[in-house]
Amino acid sequence: SGRFVTGGPHGDAGLTGRKILVDTYGSVARHGGGAFSGK
């Protein structure tokens, strides 16, 4: 992008459970859709 100074929650909003493929197998495997954290 050429510049990444503004980051974290100031740069983008965040929510629990929005990175389910990062949490698992990087989309190499199928996914049931349920998130993990906080449960």
ModelCIF file with pLDDT and N, C-alpha, C, O atoms, coordinates in Angstrom:
data_MODEL
#
_entry.id   MODEL 
#
_entity.id                         1 
_entity.type                       polymer 
_entity.pdbx_number_of_molecules   1 
#
_entity_poly.entity_id                      1 
_entity_poly.type                           'polypeptide(L)' 
_entity_poly.nstd_linkage                   no 
_entity_poly.nstd_monomer                   no 
_entity_poly.pdbx_seq_one_letter_code       SGRFVTGGPHGDAGLTGRKILVDTYGSVARHGGGAFSGK 
_entity_poly.pdbx_seq_one_letter_code_can   SGRFVTGGPHGDAGLTGRKILVDTYGSVARHGGGAFSGK 
_entity_poly.pdbx_strand_id                 A 
#
loop_
_entity_poly_seq.entity_id 
_entity_poly_seq.num 
_entity_poly_seq.mon_id 
_entity_poly_seq.hetero 
1 1  SER n 
1 2  GLY n 
1 3  ARG n 
1 4  PHE n 
1 5  VAL n 
1 6  THR n 
1 7  GLY n 
1 8  GLY n 
1 9  PRO n 
1 10 HIS n 
1 11 GLY n 
1 12 ASP n 
1 13 ALA n 
1 14 GLY n 
1 15 LEU n 
1 16 THR n 
1 17 GLY n 
1 18 ARG n 
1 19 LYS n 
1 20 ILE n 
1 21 LEU n 
1 22 VAL n 
1 23 ASP n 
1 24 THR n 
1 25 TYR n 
1 26 GLY n 
1 27 SER n 
1 28 VAL n 
1 29 ALA n 
1 30 ARG n 
1 31 HIS n 
1 32 GLY n 
1 33 GLY n 
1 34 GLY n 
1 35 ALA n 
1 36 PHE n 
1 37 SER n 
1 38 GLY n 
1 39 LYS n 
#
_struct_asym.id          A 
_struct_asym.entity_id   1 
#
loop_
_ma_qa_metric.id 
_ma_qa_metric.mode 
_ma_qa_metric.name 
_ma_qa_metric.software_group_id 
_ma_qa_metric.type 
1 global pLDDT . pLDDT 
2 local  pLDDT . pLDDT 
#
_ma_qa_metric_global.metric_id      1 
_ma_qa_metric_global.metric_value   94.95 
_ma_qa_metric_global.model_id       1 
_ma_qa_metric_global.ordinal_id     1 
#
loop_
_ma_qa_metric_local.label_asym_id 
_ma_qa_metric_local.label_comp_id 
_ma_qa_metric_local.label_seq_id 
_ma_qa_metric_local.metric_id 
_ma_qa_metric_local.metric_value 
_ma_qa_metric_local.model_id 
_ma_qa_metric_local.ordinal_id 
A SER 1  2 90.00 1 1  
A GLY 2  2 90.00 1 2  
A ARG 3  2 90.00 1 3  
A PHE 4  2 94.00 1 4  
A VAL 5  2 94.00 1 5  
A THR 6  2 93.00 1 6  
A GLY 7  2 94.00 1 7  
A GLY 8  2 93.00 1 8  
A PRO 9  2 95.00 1 9  
A HIS 10 2 94.00 1 10 
A GLY 11 2 91.00 1 11 
A ASP 12 2 94.00 1 12 
A ALA 13 2 96.00 1 13 
A GLY 14 2 97.00 1 14 
A LEU 15 2 98.00 1 15 
A THR 16 2 98.00 1 16 
A GLY 17 2 97.00 1 17 
A ARG 18 2 96.00 1 18 
A LYS 19 2 97.00 1 19 
A ILE 20 2 97.00 1 20 
A LEU 21 2 97.00 1 21 
A VAL 22 2 98.00 1 22 
A ASP 23 2 98.00 1 23 
A THR 24 2 98.00 1 24 
A TYR 25 2 97.00 1 25 
A GLY 26 2 96.00 1 26 
A SER 27 2 91.00 1 27 
A VAL 28 2 94.00 1 28 
A ALA 29 2 94.00 1 29 
A ARG 30 2 93.00 1 30 
A HIS 31 2 95.00 1 31 
A GLY 32 2 92.00 1 32 
A GLY 33 2 93.00 1 33 
A GLY 34 2 94.00 1 34 
A ALA 35 2 96.00 1 35 
A PHE 36 2 97.00 1 36 
A SER 37 2 98.00 1 37 
A GLY 38 2 97.00 1 38 
A LYS 39 2 97.00 1 39 
#
loop_
_atom_site.group_PDB 
_atom_site.id 
_atom_site.type_symbol 
_atom_site.label_atom_id 
_atom_site.label_alt_id 
_atom_site.label_comp_id 
_atom_site.label_asym_id 
_atom_site.label_entity_id 
_atom_site.label_seq_id 
_atom_site.pdbx_PDB_ins_code 
_atom_site.Cartn_x 
_atom_site.Cartn_y 
_atom_site.Cartn_z 
_atom_site.occupancy 
_atom_site.B_iso_or_equiv 
_atom_site.pdbx_formal_charge 
_atom_site.auth_seq_id 
_atom_site.auth_comp_id 
_atom_site.auth_asym_id 
_atom_site.auth_atom_id 
_atom_site.pdbx_PDB_model_num 
ATOM 1   N N  . SER A 1 1  ? 0.827   -1.206  0.000  1.00 90.00 ? 1  SER A N  1 
ATOM 2   C CA . SER A 1 1  ? 0.000   0.000   0.000  1.00 90.00 ? 1  SER A CA 1 
ATOM 3   C C  . SER A 1 1  ? 0.860   1.254   0.000  1.00 90.00 ? 1  SER A C  1 
ATOM 4   O O  . SER A 1 1  ? 0.393   2.326   -0.385 1.00 90.00 ? 1  SER A O  1 
ATOM 5   N N  . GLY A 1 2  ? 2.114   1.131   0.429  1.00 90.00 ? 2  GLY A N  1 
ATOM 6   C CA . GLY A 1 2  ? 3.037   2.260   0.440  1.00 90.00 ? 2  GLY A CA 1 
ATOM 7   C C  . GLY A 1 2  ? 3.164   2.954   1.773  1.00 90.00 ? 2  GLY A C  1 
ATOM 8   O O  . GLY A 1 2  ? 4.137   3.675   1.990  1.00 90.00 ? 2  GLY A O  1 
ATOM 9   N N  . ARG A 1 3  ? 2.214   2.765   2.679  1.00 90.00 ? 3  ARG A N  1 
ATOM 10  C CA . ARG A 1 3  ? 2.273   3.412   3.998  1.00 90.00 ? 3  ARG A CA 1 
ATOM 11  C C  . ARG A 1 3  ? 1.290   2.712   4.923  1.00 90.00 ? 3  ARG A C  1 
ATOM 12  O O  . ARG A 1 3  ? 0.155   2.438   4.535  1.00 90.00 ? 3  ARG A O  1 
ATOM 13  N N  . PHE A 1 4  ? 1.728   2.418   6.160  1.00 94.00 ? 4  PHE A N  1 
ATOM 14  C CA . PHE A 1 4  ? 0.869   1.738   7.135  1.00 94.00 ? 4  PHE A CA 1 
ATOM 15  C C  . PHE A 1 4  ? 1.210   2.279   8.519  1.00 94.00 ? 4  PHE A C  1 
ATOM 16  O O  . PHE A 1 4  ? 1.716   1.554   9.375  1.00 94.00 ? 4  PHE A O  1 
ATOM 17  N N  . VAL A 1 5  ? 0.926   3.559   8.725  1.00 94.00 ? 5  VAL A N  1 
ATOM 18  C CA . VAL A 1 5  ? 1.188   4.209   10.004 1.00 94.00 ? 5  VAL A CA 1 
ATOM 19  C C  . VAL A 1 5  ? -0.032  4.115   10.911 1.00 94.00 ? 5  VAL A C  1 
ATOM 20  O O  . VAL A 1 5  ? 0.088   3.793   12.093 1.00 94.00 ? 5  VAL A O  1 
ATOM 21  N N  . THR A 1 6  ? -1.208  4.399   10.350 1.00 93.00 ? 6  THR A N  1 
ATOM 22  C CA . THR A 1 6  ? -2.452  4.313   11.115 1.00 93.00 ? 6  THR A CA 1 
ATOM 23  C C  . THR A 1 6  ? -2.918  2.871   11.123 1.00 93.00 ? 6  THR A C  1 
ATOM 24  O O  . THR A 1 6  ? -3.242  2.313   10.074 1.00 93.00 ? 6  THR A O  1 
ATOM 25  N N  . GLY A 1 7  ? -2.953  2.268   12.294 1.00 94.00 ? 7  GLY A N  1 
ATOM 26  C CA . GLY A 1 7  ? -3.326  0.858   12.389 1.00 94.00 ? 7  GLY A CA 1 
ATOM 27  C C  . GLY A 1 7  ? -4.083  0.559   13.658 1.00 94.00 ? 7  GLY A C  1 
ATOM 28  O O  . GLY A 1 7  ? -4.540  1.464   14.356 1.00 94.00 ? 7  GLY A O  1 
ATOM 29  N N  . GLY A 1 8  ? -4.212  -0.725  13.952 1.00 93.00 ? 8  GLY A N  1 
ATOM 30  C CA . GLY A 1 8  ? -4.948  -1.134  15.136 1.00 93.00 ? 8  GLY A CA 1 
ATOM 31  C C  . GLY A 1 8  ? -6.396  -0.681  15.072 1.00 93.00 ? 8  GLY A C  1 
ATOM 32  O O  . GLY A 1 8  ? -6.909  -0.413  13.985 1.00 93.00 ? 8  GLY A O  1 
ATOM 33  N N  . PRO A 1 9  ? -7.066  -0.591  16.218 1.00 95.00 ? 9  PRO A N  1 
ATOM 34  C CA . PRO A 1 9  ? -8.480  -0.213  16.230 1.00 95.00 ? 9  PRO A CA 1 
ATOM 35  C C  . PRO A 1 9  ? -8.751  1.195   15.716 1.00 95.00 ? 9  PRO A C  1 
ATOM 36  O O  . PRO A 1 9  ? -9.886  1.511   15.360 1.00 95.00 ? 9  PRO A O  1 
ATOM 37  N N  . HIS A 1 10 ? -7.725  2.050   15.671 1.00 94.00 ? 10 HIS A N  1 
ATOM 38  C CA . HIS A 1 10 ? -7.920  3.380   15.100 1.00 94.00 ? 10 HIS A CA 1 
ATOM 39  C C  . HIS A 1 10 ? -7.991  3.316   13.579 1.00 94.00 ? 10 HIS A C  1 
ATOM 40  O O  . HIS A 1 10 ? -8.665  4.134   12.954 1.00 94.00 ? 10 HIS A O  1 
ATOM 41  N N  . GLY A 1 11 ? -7.308  2.359   12.990 1.00 91.00 ? 11 GLY A N  1 
ATOM 42  C CA . GLY A 1 11 ? -7.320  2.226   11.541 1.00 91.00 ? 11 GLY A CA 1 
ATOM 43  C C  . GLY A 1 11 ? -8.484  1.418   11.017 1.00 91.00 ? 11 GLY A C  1 
ATOM 44  O O  . GLY A 1 11 ? -8.918  1.613   9.882  1.00 91.00 ? 11 GLY A O  1 
ATOM 45  N N  . ASP A 1 12 ? -8.998  0.505   11.839 1.00 94.00 ? 12 ASP A N  1 
ATOM 46  C CA . ASP A 1 12 ? -10.063 -0.383  11.375 1.00 94.00 ? 12 ASP A CA 1 
ATOM 47  C C  . ASP A 1 12 ? -10.775 -0.958  12.591 1.00 94.00 ? 12 ASP A C  1 
ATOM 48  O O  . ASP A 1 12 ? -10.125 -1.316  13.573 1.00 94.00 ? 12 ASP A O  1 
ATOM 49  N N  . ALA A 1 13 ? -12.074 -1.050  12.540 1.00 96.00 ? 13 ALA A N  1 
ATOM 50  C CA . ALA A 1 13 ? -12.840 -1.657  13.630 1.00 96.00 ? 13 ALA A CA 1 
ATOM 51  C C  . ALA A 1 13 ? -12.560 -3.153  13.696 1.00 96.00 ? 13 ALA A C  1 
ATOM 52  O O  . ALA A 1 13 ? -12.167 -3.760  12.700 1.00 96.00 ? 13 ALA A O  1 
ATOM 53  N N  . GLY A 1 14 ? -12.762 -3.743  14.863 1.00 97.00 ? 14 GLY A N  1 
ATOM 54  C CA . GLY A 1 14 ? -12.530 -5.178  15.032 1.00 97.00 ? 14 GLY A CA 1 
ATOM 55  C C  . GLY A 1 14 ? -13.666 -5.856  15.764 1.00 97.00 ? 14 GLY A C  1 
ATOM 56  O O  . GLY A 1 14 ? -14.382 -5.229  16.545 1.00 97.00 ? 14 GLY A O  1 
ATOM 57  N N  . LEU A 1 15 ? -13.826 -7.157  15.501 1.00 98.00 ? 15 LEU A N  1 
ATOM 58  C CA . LEU A 1 15 ? -14.856 -7.969  16.146 1.00 98.00 ? 15 LEU A CA 1 
ATOM 59  C C  . LEU A 1 15 ? -14.311 -9.362  16.440 1.00 98.00 ? 15 LEU A C  1 
ATOM 60  O O  . LEU A 1 15 ? -13.479 -9.883  15.697 1.00 98.00 ? 15 LEU A O  1 
ATOM 61  N N  . THR A 1 16 ? -14.780 -9.951  17.513 1.00 98.00 ? 16 THR A N  1 
ATOM 62  C CA . THR A 1 16 ? -14.475 -11.353 17.788 1.00 98.00 ? 16 THR A CA 1 
ATOM 63  C C  . THR A 1 16 ? -15.016 -12.235 16.660 1.00 98.00 ? 16 THR A C  1 
ATOM 64  O O  . THR A 1 16 ? -16.128 -12.024 16.175 1.00 98.00 ? 16 THR A O  1 
ATOM 65  N N  . GLY A 1 17 ? -14.222 -13.222 16.249 1.00 97.00 ? 17 GLY A N  1 
ATOM 66  C CA . GLY A 1 17 ? -14.719 -14.255 15.352 1.00 97.00 ? 17 GLY A CA 1 
ATOM 67  C C  . GLY A 1 17 ? -14.700 -13.924 13.883 1.00 97.00 ? 17 GLY A C  1 
ATOM 68  O O  . GLY A 1 17 ? -15.365 -14.598 13.097 1.00 97.00 ? 17 GLY A O  1 
ATOM 69  N N  . ARG A 1 18 ? -13.946 -12.888 13.477 1.00 96.00 ? 18 ARG A N  1 
ATOM 70  C CA . ARG A 1 18 ? -13.927 -12.526 12.058 1.00 96.00 ? 18 ARG A CA 1 
ATOM 71  C C  . ARG A 1 18 ? -12.712 -13.094 11.312 1.00 96.00 ? 18 ARG A C  1 
ATOM 72  O O  . ARG A 1 18 ? -12.524 -12.802 10.131 1.00 96.00 ? 18 ARG A O  1 
ATOM 73  N N  . LYS A 1 19 ? -11.900 -13.889 11.979 1.00 97.00 ? 19 LYS A N  1 
ATOM 74  C CA . LYS A 1 19 ? -10.716 -14.442 11.325 1.00 97.00 ? 19 LYS A CA 1 
ATOM 75  C C  . LYS A 1 19 ? -10.728 -15.970 11.444 1.00 97.00 ? 19 LYS A C  1 
ATOM 76  O O  . LYS A 1 19 ? -9.745  -16.573 11.876 1.00 97.00 ? 19 LYS A O  1 
ATOM 77  N N  . ILE A 1 20 ? -11.851 -16.589 11.056 1.00 97.00 ? 20 ILE A N  1 
ATOM 78  C CA . ILE A 1 20 ? -12.014 -18.021 11.289 1.00 97.00 ? 20 ILE A CA 1 
ATOM 79  C C  . ILE A 1 20 ? -11.107 -18.870 10.403 1.00 97.00 ? 20 ILE A C  1 
ATOM 80  O O  . ILE A 1 20 ? -10.747 -19.981 10.793 1.00 97.00 ? 20 ILE A O  1 
ATOM 81  N N  . LEU A 1 21 ? -10.727 -18.379 9.224  1.00 97.00 ? 21 LEU A N  1 
ATOM 82  C CA . LEU A 1 21 ? -9.821  -19.157 8.380  1.00 97.00 ? 21 LEU A CA 1 
ATOM 83  C C  . LEU A 1 21 ? -8.374  -18.966 8.804  1.00 97.00 ? 21 LEU A C  1 
ATOM 84  O O  . LEU A 1 21 ? -7.559  -19.876 8.655  1.00 97.00 ? 21 LEU A O  1 
ATOM 85  N N  . VAL A 1 22 ? -8.047  -17.792 9.330  1.00 98.00 ? 22 VAL A N  1 
ATOM 86  C CA . VAL A 1 22 ? -6.735  -17.594 9.959  1.00 98.00 ? 22 VAL A CA 1 
ATOM 87  C C  . VAL A 1 22 ? -6.607  -18.512 11.175 1.00 98.00 ? 22 VAL A C  1 
ATOM 88  O O  . VAL A 1 22 ? -5.537  -19.061 11.434 1.00 98.00 ? 22 VAL A O  1 
ATOM 89  N N  . ASP A 1 23 ? -7.691  -18.673 11.910 1.00 98.00 ? 23 ASP A N  1 
ATOM 90  C CA . ASP A 1 23 ? -7.678  -19.509 13.116 1.00 98.00 ? 23 ASP A CA 1 
ATOM 91  C C  . ASP A 1 23 ? -7.519  -20.988 12.800 1.00 98.00 ? 23 ASP A C  1 
ATOM 92  O O  . ASP A 1 23 ? -7.093  -21.759 13.660 1.00 98.00 ? 23 ASP A O  1 
ATOM 93  N N  . THR A 1 24 ? -7.856  -21.398 11.577 1.00 98.00 ? 24 THR A N  1 
ATOM 94  C CA . THR A 1 24 ? -7.925  -22.831 11.292 1.00 98.00 ? 24 THR A CA 1 
ATOM 95  C C  . THR A 1 24 ? -6.878  -23.253 10.257 1.00 98.00 ? 24 THR A C  1 
ATOM 96  O O  . THR A 1 24 ? -5.710  -23.422 10.606 1.00 98.00 ? 24 THR A O  1 
ATOM 97  N N  . TYR A 1 25 ? -7.269  -23.424 9.008  1.00 97.00 ? 25 TYR A N  1 
ATOM 98  C CA . TYR A 1 25 ? -6.377  -24.051 8.025  1.00 97.00 ? 25 TYR A CA 1 
ATOM 99  C C  . TYR A 1 25 ? -6.137  -23.186 6.791  1.00 97.00 ? 25 TYR A C  1 
ATOM 100 O O  . TYR A 1 25 ? -5.726  -23.692 5.747  1.00 97.00 ? 25 TYR A O  1 
ATOM 101 N N  . GLY A 1 26 ? -6.392  -21.886 6.908  1.00 96.00 ? 26 GLY A N  1 
ATOM 102 C CA . GLY A 1 26 ? -6.102  -20.981 5.820  1.00 96.00 ? 26 GLY A CA 1 
ATOM 103 C C  . GLY A 1 26 ? -6.916  -21.227 4.579  1.00 96.00 ? 26 GLY A C  1 
ATOM 104 O O  . GLY A 1 26 ? -6.466  -20.930 3.472  1.00 96.00 ? 26 GLY A O  1 
ATOM 105 N N  . SER A 1 27 ? -8.110  -21.765 4.742  1.00 91.00 ? 27 SER A N  1 
ATOM 106 C CA . SER A 1 27 ? -9.080  -22.106 3.693  1.00 91.00 ? 27 SER A CA 1 
ATOM 107 C C  . SER A 1 27 ? -8.700  -23.351 2.914  1.00 91.00 ? 27 SER A C  1 
ATOM 108 O O  . SER A 1 27 ? -9.380  -23.687 1.944  1.00 91.00 ? 27 SER A O  1 
ATOM 109 N N  . VAL A 1 28 ? -7.636  -24.050 3.301  1.00 94.00 ? 28 VAL A N  1 
ATOM 110 C CA . VAL A 1 28 ? -7.278  -25.309 2.642  1.00 94.00 ? 28 VAL A CA 1 
ATOM 111 C C  . VAL A 1 28 ? -8.331  -26.373 2.930  1.00 94.00 ? 28 VAL A C  1 
ATOM 112 O O  . VAL A 1 28 ? -8.632  -27.204 2.073  1.00 94.00 ? 28 VAL A O  1 
ATOM 113 N N  . ALA A 1 29 ? -8.886  -26.345 4.128  1.00 94.00 ? 29 ALA A N  1 
ATOM 114 C CA . ALA A 1 29 ? -9.966  -27.266 4.491  1.00 94.00 ? 29 ALA A CA 1 
ATOM 115 C C  . ALA A 1 29 ? -11.290 -26.513 4.519  1.00 94.00 ? 29 ALA A C  1 
ATOM 116 O O  . ALA A 1 29 ? -11.327 -25.283 4.532  1.00 94.00 ? 29 ALA A O  1 
ATOM 117 N N  . ARG A 1 30 ? -12.371 -27.278 4.527  1.00 93.00 ? 30 ARG A N  1 
ATOM 118 C CA . ARG A 1 30 ? -13.687 -26.670 4.688  1.00 93.00 ? 30 ARG A CA 1 
ATOM 119 C C  . ARG A 1 30 ? -13.852 -26.129 6.110  1.00 93.00 ? 30 ARG A C  1 
ATOM 120 O O  . ARG A 1 30 ? -13.045 -26.422 6.992  1.00 93.00 ? 30 ARG A O  1 
ATOM 121 N N  . HIS A 1 31 ? -14.890 -25.348 6.318  1.00 95.00 ? 31 HIS A N  1 
ATOM 122 C CA . HIS A 1 31 ? -15.127 -24.741 7.627  1.00 95.00 ? 31 HIS A CA 1 
ATOM 123 C C  . HIS A 1 31 ? -16.617 -24.741 7.918  1.00 95.00 ? 31 HIS A C  1 
ATOM 124 O O  . HIS A 1 31 ? -17.426 -24.414 7.051  1.00 95.00 ? 31 HIS A O  1 
ATOM 125 N N  . GLY A 1 32 ? -16.975 -25.108 9.139  1.00 92.00 ? 32 GLY A N  1 
ATOM 126 C CA . GLY A 1 32 ? -18.385 -25.145 9.517  1.00 92.00 ? 32 GLY A CA 1 
ATOM 127 C C  . GLY A 1 32 ? -18.995 -23.780 9.747  1.00 92.00 ? 32 GLY A C  1 
ATOM 128 O O  . GLY A 1 32 ? -20.219 -23.649 9.770  1.00 92.00 ? 32 GLY A O  1 
ATOM 129 N N  . GLY A 1 33 ? -18.156 -22.743 9.919  1.00 93.00 ? 33 GLY A N  1 
ATOM 130 C CA . GLY A 1 33 ? -18.668 -21.387 10.065 1.00 93.00 ? 33 GLY A CA 1 
ATOM 131 C C  . GLY A 1 33 ? -18.612 -20.830 11.464 1.00 93.00 ? 33 GLY A C  1 
ATOM 132 O O  . GLY A 1 33 ? -18.718 -19.616 11.638 1.00 93.00 ? 33 GLY A O  1 
ATOM 133 N N  . GLY A 1 34 ? -18.449 -21.670 12.474 1.00 94.00 ? 34 GLY A N  1 
ATOM 134 C CA . GLY A 1 34 ? -18.447 -21.195 13.854 1.00 94.00 ? 34 GLY A CA 1 
ATOM 135 C C  . GLY A 1 34 ? -17.081 -20.703 14.286 1.00 94.00 ? 34 GLY A C  1 
ATOM 136 O O  . GLY A 1 34 ? -16.061 -21.315 13.970 1.00 94.00 ? 34 GLY A O  1 
ATOM 137 N N  . ALA A 1 35 ? -17.066 -19.575 15.021 1.00 96.00 ? 35 ALA A N  1 
ATOM 138 C CA . ALA A 1 35 ? -15.821 -19.046 15.581 1.00 96.00 ? 35 ALA A CA 1 
ATOM 139 C C  . ALA A 1 35 ? -15.535 -19.706 16.930 1.00 96.00 ? 35 ALA A C  1 
ATOM 140 O O  . ALA A 1 35 ? -16.383 -20.410 17.480 1.00 96.00 ? 35 ALA A O  1 
ATOM 141 N N  . PHE A 1 36 ? -14.328 -19.470 17.455 1.00 97.00 ? 36 PHE A N  1 
ATOM 142 C CA . PHE A 1 36 ? -13.874 -20.141 18.675 1.00 97.00 ? 36 PHE A CA 1 
ATOM 143 C C  . PHE A 1 36 ? -13.820 -19.213 19.889 1.00 97.00 ? 36 PHE A C  1 
ATOM 144 O O  . PHE A 1 36 ? -14.353 -19.541 20.948 1.00 97.00 ? 36 PHE A O  1 
ATOM 145 N N  . SER A 1 37 ? -13.187 -18.073 19.737 1.00 98.00 ? 37 SER A N  1 
ATOM 146 C CA . SER A 1 37 ? -12.787 -17.273 20.898 1.00 98.00 ? 37 SER A CA 1 
ATOM 147 C C  . SER A 1 37 ? -13.974 -16.768 21.705 1.00 98.00 ? 37 SER A C  1 
ATOM 148 O O  . SER A 1 37 ? -15.010 -16.387 21.161 1.00 98.00 ? 37 SER A O  1 
ATOM 149 N N  . GLY A 1 38 ? -13.789 -16.779 23.016 1.00 97.00 ? 38 GLY A N  1 
ATOM 150 C CA . GLY A 1 38 ? -14.812 -16.331 23.949 1.00 97.00 ? 38 GLY A CA 1 
ATOM 151 C C  . GLY A 1 38 ? -15.846 -17.366 24.302 1.00 97.00 ? 38 GLY A C  1 
ATOM 152 O O  . GLY A 1 38 ? -16.786 -17.074 25.043 1.00 97.00 ? 38 GLY A O  1 
ATOM 153 N N  . LYS A 1 39 ? -15.692 -18.590 23.781 1.00 97.00 ? 39 LYS A N  1 
ATOM 154 C CA . LYS A 1 39 ? -16.682 -19.644 24.027 1.00 97.00 ? 39 LYS A CA 1 
ATOM 155 C C  . LYS A 1 39 ? -16.090 -20.736 24.910 1.00 97.00 ? 39 LYS A C  1 
ATOM 156 O O  . LYS A 1 39 ? -16.772 -21.711 25.227 1.00 97.00 ? 39 LYS A O  1 
#
